[in-house]
Protein backbone atom coordinates (compact mmCIF):
# COMPACT_ATOMS: atom_id res chain seq x y z
CA MET A 1 -82.43 37.97 -0.59
CA GLU A 2 -86.06 38.66 1.12
CA LEU A 3 -88.32 40.43 -1.08
CA ARG A 4 -90.04 42.53 1.66
CA ASP A 5 -89.93 46.29 1.22
CA ARG A 6 -87.80 45.84 -1.99
CA VAL A 7 -88.08 47.63 -5.18
CA CYS A 8 -88.44 44.99 -8.06
CA VAL A 9 -88.72 45.58 -11.86
CA VAL A 10 -89.90 42.51 -14.05
CA THR A 11 -89.55 43.05 -17.72
CA GLY A 12 -92.18 40.69 -19.94
CA GLY A 13 -94.33 41.41 -16.84
CA ALA A 14 -97.71 41.46 -18.78
CA GLY A 15 -97.95 37.63 -19.06
CA GLY A 16 -96.65 34.30 -18.54
CA ILE A 17 -93.84 34.08 -16.04
CA GLY A 18 -93.37 37.52 -16.00
CA ARG A 19 -96.71 38.12 -14.79
CA GLU A 20 -96.47 35.56 -12.20
CA LEU A 21 -93.23 36.90 -10.94
CA CYS A 22 -94.61 40.44 -10.53
CA ARG A 23 -97.85 38.82 -8.43
CA ARG A 24 -95.63 36.68 -6.36
CA PHE A 25 -93.13 39.42 -5.71
CA ALA A 26 -95.90 41.72 -4.55
CA ALA A 27 -97.41 38.84 -2.43
CA GLU A 28 -93.91 38.69 -0.86
CA GLY A 29 -94.17 42.32 0.53
CA ALA A 30 -92.22 44.03 -2.14
CA ARG A 31 -92.42 47.94 -1.69
CA ALA A 32 -92.83 48.40 -5.35
CA VAL A 33 -93.28 46.09 -8.50
CA VAL A 34 -92.45 47.70 -11.75
CA VAL A 35 -94.33 45.84 -14.50
CA VAL A 36 -92.64 46.43 -17.97
CA ASP A 37 -93.81 45.39 -21.04
CA ARG A 38 -94.12 46.35 -24.64
CA ASP A 39 -97.56 45.61 -24.25
CA ALA A 40 -99.02 48.90 -22.28
CA ASP A 41 -102.57 47.47 -21.70
CA GLY A 42 -101.08 44.08 -20.47
CA ALA A 43 -98.55 45.97 -18.09
CA LEU A 44 -101.09 48.21 -16.68
CA ALA A 45 -103.78 45.30 -16.08
CA VAL A 46 -100.90 43.49 -13.86
CA ALA A 47 -100.24 46.50 -12.07
CA ASP A 48 -103.78 47.18 -11.37
CA GLU A 49 -104.16 43.49 -10.12
CA ILE A 50 -101.09 44.01 -7.82
CA GLY A 51 -102.81 47.23 -6.41
CA GLU A 52 -100.98 50.43 -5.02
CA ARG A 53 -97.54 48.70 -5.19
CA GLY A 54 -97.94 47.89 -8.67
CA VAL A 55 -96.56 50.39 -11.43
CA ALA A 56 -96.78 49.72 -15.20
CA ARG A 57 -94.17 51.03 -17.49
CA THR A 58 -94.09 50.65 -21.28
CA ALA A 59 -90.60 49.97 -22.82
CA ASP A 60 -88.89 47.88 -25.75
CA VAL A 61 -86.02 46.16 -24.08
CA THR A 62 -84.21 45.85 -27.31
CA VAL A 63 -83.72 49.53 -27.21
CA GLU A 64 -80.84 50.67 -25.04
CA ALA A 65 -82.18 54.09 -24.31
CA ASP A 66 -85.82 52.58 -23.33
CA VAL A 67 -83.80 50.29 -20.81
CA GLU A 68 -81.86 53.53 -19.53
CA ALA A 69 -84.83 55.47 -19.24
CA LEU A 70 -86.65 52.83 -17.46
CA VAL A 71 -84.17 52.46 -14.73
CA GLU A 72 -83.47 56.12 -14.49
CA HIS A 73 -87.30 56.94 -13.89
CA THR A 74 -87.82 54.05 -11.64
CA GLU A 75 -85.05 55.40 -9.47
CA GLU A 76 -86.15 59.05 -9.52
CA ASP A 77 -89.73 58.41 -9.00
CA ILE A 78 -89.74 55.05 -6.71
CA GLY A 79 -86.27 54.58 -5.28
CA PRO A 80 -83.15 52.61 -5.88
CA ILE A 81 -84.01 49.24 -7.81
CA ASP A 82 -83.10 46.19 -5.52
CA LEU A 83 -83.96 43.55 -7.96
CA PHE A 84 -84.15 43.66 -11.79
CA ALA A 85 -85.76 40.47 -13.53
CA SER A 86 -84.45 40.81 -17.02
CA ASN A 87 -87.49 38.23 -17.92
CA ALA A 88 -87.70 39.03 -21.86
CA GLY A 89 -87.32 36.17 -24.18
CA ILE A 90 -88.57 35.19 -27.76
CA LEU A 91 -88.59 32.12 -29.78
CA GLY A 92 -86.69 31.62 -33.52
CA ARG A 93 -89.05 28.91 -34.54
CA ALA A 94 -86.47 27.96 -37.07
CA GLY A 95 -83.31 25.86 -37.88
CA LEU A 96 -80.79 26.54 -40.67
CA GLU A 97 -83.73 28.22 -42.52
CA ALA A 98 -83.46 31.11 -39.97
CA ASP A 99 -82.55 34.36 -41.87
CA ASP A 100 -80.29 37.15 -40.69
CA GLU A 101 -83.30 39.29 -39.33
CA THR A 102 -84.48 36.39 -37.29
CA TRP A 103 -81.18 35.75 -35.65
CA ALA A 104 -80.72 39.50 -34.95
CA ARG A 105 -84.24 39.67 -33.54
CA VAL A 106 -83.95 36.77 -31.23
CA TRP A 107 -80.48 37.89 -30.18
CA SER A 108 -81.48 41.33 -29.33
CA VAL A 109 -84.21 40.23 -26.90
CA ASN A 110 -82.65 37.06 -25.48
CA VAL A 111 -79.17 38.38 -25.01
CA LEU A 112 -78.72 42.01 -25.40
CA ALA A 113 -81.68 43.08 -23.37
CA HIS A 114 -79.80 41.52 -20.48
CA VAL A 115 -76.82 43.39 -21.43
CA TYR A 116 -78.62 46.68 -21.56
CA ALA A 117 -79.99 45.99 -18.23
CA ALA A 118 -76.67 45.25 -16.65
CA ARG A 119 -75.03 48.42 -18.12
CA ALA A 120 -77.58 50.54 -16.75
CA LEU A 121 -77.95 49.10 -13.36
CA VAL A 122 -74.44 47.56 -12.33
CA PRO A 123 -72.76 51.05 -11.76
CA ARG A 124 -75.72 52.16 -9.57
CA MET A 125 -75.45 49.38 -7.65
CA LEU A 126 -71.67 49.02 -7.32
CA ALA A 127 -71.81 52.93 -6.05
CA ARG A 128 -74.53 52.00 -3.55
CA GLY A 129 -73.07 48.63 -2.19
CA GLY A 130 -75.12 45.90 -3.99
CA GLY A 131 -78.05 44.88 -5.92
CA TYR A 132 -79.65 41.72 -7.39
CA LEU A 133 -80.02 40.78 -11.29
CA LEU A 134 -82.36 37.70 -12.05
CA GLN A 135 -82.06 36.90 -15.65
CA THR A 136 -84.61 34.32 -17.64
CA ALA A 137 -82.73 31.95 -19.76
CA SER A 138 -84.19 28.35 -20.30
CA ALA A 139 -83.14 24.74 -19.54
CA ALA A 140 -82.38 25.20 -23.35
CA GLY A 141 -79.24 27.36 -22.40
CA LEU A 142 -77.84 24.58 -20.42
CA LEU A 143 -78.97 21.50 -22.64
CA SER A 144 -80.45 22.40 -25.99
CA GLN A 145 -83.60 23.12 -28.06
CA PRO A 146 -84.79 20.75 -30.71
CA GLY A 147 -85.93 22.63 -33.68
CA ASP A 148 -85.07 26.14 -33.07
CA ALA A 149 -81.43 27.13 -33.43
CA PRO A 150 -81.91 30.77 -32.57
CA TYR A 151 -83.38 30.18 -29.23
CA SER A 152 -80.97 27.55 -27.98
CA VAL A 153 -77.89 29.33 -29.03
CA THR A 154 -79.06 32.82 -27.45
CA LYS A 155 -80.13 31.13 -24.49
CA HIS A 156 -76.81 29.49 -24.06
CA ALA A 157 -75.30 33.22 -24.56
CA ALA A 158 -77.75 34.59 -21.96
CA VAL A 159 -76.48 31.96 -19.21
CA ALA A 160 -72.83 32.60 -20.17
CA PHE A 161 -73.57 36.56 -19.61
CA ALA A 162 -74.99 35.62 -16.39
CA GLU A 163 -72.22 33.57 -15.24
CA TRP A 164 -69.63 36.35 -16.42
CA LEU A 165 -71.57 38.87 -14.27
CA SER A 166 -71.49 36.83 -11.45
CA ILE A 167 -67.70 36.23 -11.82
CA THR A 168 -67.10 39.72 -12.50
CA TYR A 169 -69.08 41.64 -9.77
CA GLY A 170 -69.95 38.72 -7.28
CA ASP A 171 -67.49 39.94 -4.76
CA GLN A 172 -68.54 43.44 -5.18
CA GLY A 173 -72.13 43.07 -3.92
CA ILE A 174 -73.73 42.27 -6.82
CA LYS A 175 -75.99 39.27 -6.81
CA VAL A 176 -76.86 37.33 -9.84
CA SER A 177 -79.28 34.54 -10.67
CA CYS A 178 -80.16 32.81 -13.78
CA LEU A 179 -83.68 31.16 -14.02
CA CYS A 180 -83.74 27.96 -16.48
CA PRO A 181 -86.86 26.33 -16.52
CA MET A 182 -87.78 23.51 -18.93
CA ALA A 183 -91.42 23.31 -19.94
CA VAL A 184 -93.83 25.95 -18.56
CA ASP A 185 -97.58 26.37 -19.73
CA THR A 186 -97.29 29.68 -21.31
CA PRO A 187 -98.23 30.84 -24.81
CA MET A 188 -94.57 30.63 -25.78
CA LEU A 189 -94.59 26.61 -24.97
CA ARG A 190 -98.06 26.52 -26.83
CA GLY A 191 -96.52 28.29 -29.81
CA GLY A 192 -99.55 30.74 -29.79
CA VAL A 193 -97.74 34.09 -28.89
CA ALA A 194 -98.91 36.54 -31.76
CA GLY A 195 -97.91 39.87 -30.69
CA GLY A 196 -97.32 42.41 -27.93
CA ASP A 197 -94.26 41.36 -25.75
CA GLU A 198 -93.52 37.99 -26.65
CA ALA A 199 -91.13 38.00 -23.51
CA GLY A 200 -94.36 37.88 -21.19
CA ALA A 201 -94.66 34.12 -22.09
CA GLY A 202 -91.48 33.48 -20.03
CA GLY A 203 -88.17 31.71 -20.81
CA GLY A 204 -88.85 27.80 -20.41
CA ALA A 205 -88.32 25.08 -23.22
CA ALA A 206 -90.42 26.10 -25.97
CA LEU A 207 -91.78 23.18 -28.30
CA GLY A 208 -93.99 24.94 -30.75
CA PRO A 209 -97.64 24.22 -31.63
CA GLY A 210 -99.00 20.97 -30.55
CA ALA A 211 -96.01 19.63 -28.78
CA ALA A 212 -96.72 20.99 -25.42
CA ALA A 213 -99.66 18.15 -25.11
CA ALA A 214 -96.98 15.62 -25.62
CA VAL A 215 -94.45 16.60 -23.08
CA GLN A 216 -94.36 15.16 -19.36
CA GLY A 217 -93.42 17.59 -16.47
CA VAL A 218 -94.97 21.10 -17.75
CA LEU A 219 -95.01 23.58 -14.77
CA SER A 220 -97.40 26.28 -14.46
CA PRO A 221 -95.91 29.98 -14.21
CA ALA A 222 -97.03 29.99 -10.77
CA GLN A 223 -94.83 27.05 -9.62
CA VAL A 224 -91.90 28.79 -11.44
CA ALA A 225 -92.53 31.84 -9.54
CA ASP A 226 -92.65 29.84 -6.50
CA ALA A 227 -89.21 28.51 -7.34
CA VAL A 228 -87.68 31.78 -8.03
CA VAL A 229 -88.54 33.11 -4.71
CA ASP A 230 -86.76 30.16 -2.96
CA GLY A 231 -83.77 30.61 -5.20
CA LEU A 232 -83.57 34.44 -4.54
CA ARG A 233 -84.00 33.67 -0.70
CA GLU A 234 -80.92 31.27 -0.93
CA GLU A 235 -79.24 33.54 -3.42
CA ARG A 236 -78.39 30.52 -5.89
CA PHE A 237 -77.10 31.25 -9.17
CA LEU A 238 -79.09 28.66 -11.18
CA ILE A 239 -82.68 28.38 -10.36
CA LEU A 240 -84.06 25.10 -11.57
CA PRO A 241 -88.03 24.86 -11.21
CA HIS A 242 -87.54 21.56 -12.89
CA PRO A 243 -84.64 19.97 -10.58
CA GLU A 244 -83.96 17.10 -12.98
CA VAL A 245 -82.19 19.59 -15.36
CA ALA A 246 -79.05 19.35 -13.04
CA THR A 247 -78.93 15.85 -13.53
CA PHE A 248 -79.39 16.30 -17.32
CA GLU A 249 -76.57 18.85 -17.41
CA GLN A 250 -74.11 16.69 -15.48
CA ARG A 251 -74.75 13.85 -17.92
CA ARG A 252 -74.42 16.28 -20.73
CA ALA A 253 -70.95 17.06 -19.49
CA ALA A 254 -70.23 13.35 -18.41
CA ASP A 255 -70.84 11.87 -22.04
CA ARG A 256 -71.56 14.21 -24.62
CA ASP A 257 -71.74 11.70 -27.39
CA ARG A 258 -74.50 9.68 -25.20
CA TRP A 259 -76.46 12.97 -24.49
CA LEU A 260 -76.42 13.90 -28.16
CA ALA A 261 -77.81 10.57 -29.11
CA GLY A 262 -80.43 11.09 -26.43
CA MET A 263 -81.20 14.32 -27.87
CA ARG A 264 -81.66 13.07 -31.27
CA ARG A 265 -84.27 10.49 -30.03
CA LEU A 266 -86.03 13.33 -28.31
CA SER A 267 -86.24 15.52 -31.27
CA ALA A 268 -87.36 12.36 -33.67
CA ALA A 269 -90.22 11.67 -30.98
CA LEU A 270 -91.52 15.18 -30.96
CA ALA A 271 -91.30 15.49 -34.79
CA SER A 272 -93.48 12.13 -35.13
CA GLY A 273 -96.29 13.51 -32.54
CA GLU A 274 -95.36 10.75 -29.91
CA ARG A 275 -97.16 11.30 -26.84
CA ASP A 276 -95.96 11.57 -23.01
CA VAL A 277 -92.34 12.59 -24.15
CA PRO A 278 -90.14 12.95 -21.17
CA LEU A 279 -88.02 16.31 -21.81
CA PRO A 280 -85.36 15.92 -22.40
CA PRO A 281 -84.76 11.97 -22.35
CA ARG A 282 -83.11 10.29 -19.40
C-alpha cells in the first residue's frame, strides 16, 4: 500500500509511536491524517504540526459508540478511510496481584479497541472492495512480557485477533498488518505515562521505570514509523521494527522449554538492575 492520497486514521496519535505514524503518513503524501486521542489538546497539537492535512479527533477507543462515531464522521467529512491504524495500548504493570479492574481496563484498550474498529470498518471496506487495518500489538504478543501479566496476555490476544481478521477477510480485499516492536523510547517504556491517552506511548515491550536504561536495542518512534511504512508498502502481516523478534519467535516454537529458561534469566536480570540486558536473551 502506498500512502499518497490516502485517508489515514491513527488512534493514540498524540504521542509516542502514534504521533510518529501521523507525521510519517503525512510526509508520505496522505490526503488526510486523522489524529485520534483522548487527549484533545495533544491530538490538536499533532494535527496542527502536520498542517492542512491534519485533523484532530477526540475519542475513547474503549467505547464502541466513540469508535463508530469516529468512523462515521470521518467518512462523511473527509472520505472513505483507506488505512485505520489502531495504535492504542496501555500497561498493566502487575502480575498475579492485578485486580479484575486492571485486567478489564487493559483488555478494553489492548484488545476490544481493535474489535470495535474492525466492527465499524470491515463492512464498509467490504462494500467498497477493500481497505487496510494496521493494529499495534507488541513483541510481547509474540514472546512475553516479564513482570506484566495483563499486558503480555492482551498483546497475545491482539496478535491473534489480527491473524483472525487476515484469515477471514484477506481474500476479500481487507489487508491486515500487525506491528510488533520490542523496546521503543516512549513514555510507556520509561514507565512515565501518567494521564491522557496512554495509547500514545505506543505498543513496544514495556519494562517499567528504570529498566529502559538497561536494555539494548531501544528504537526511536521515528524508526518504528519507518518500519511501518516499509511494511505497509510490502503489505506484510507482521511488521517487526526489531527483525530479531522473528528469530526469537522461531526459537520459542522450536524449543519452548529452552526459551522459557531464557526468559526467566531475562526477568531475573531486569529485576536485579543488571545493565546492558539484551531483550529477550539470545
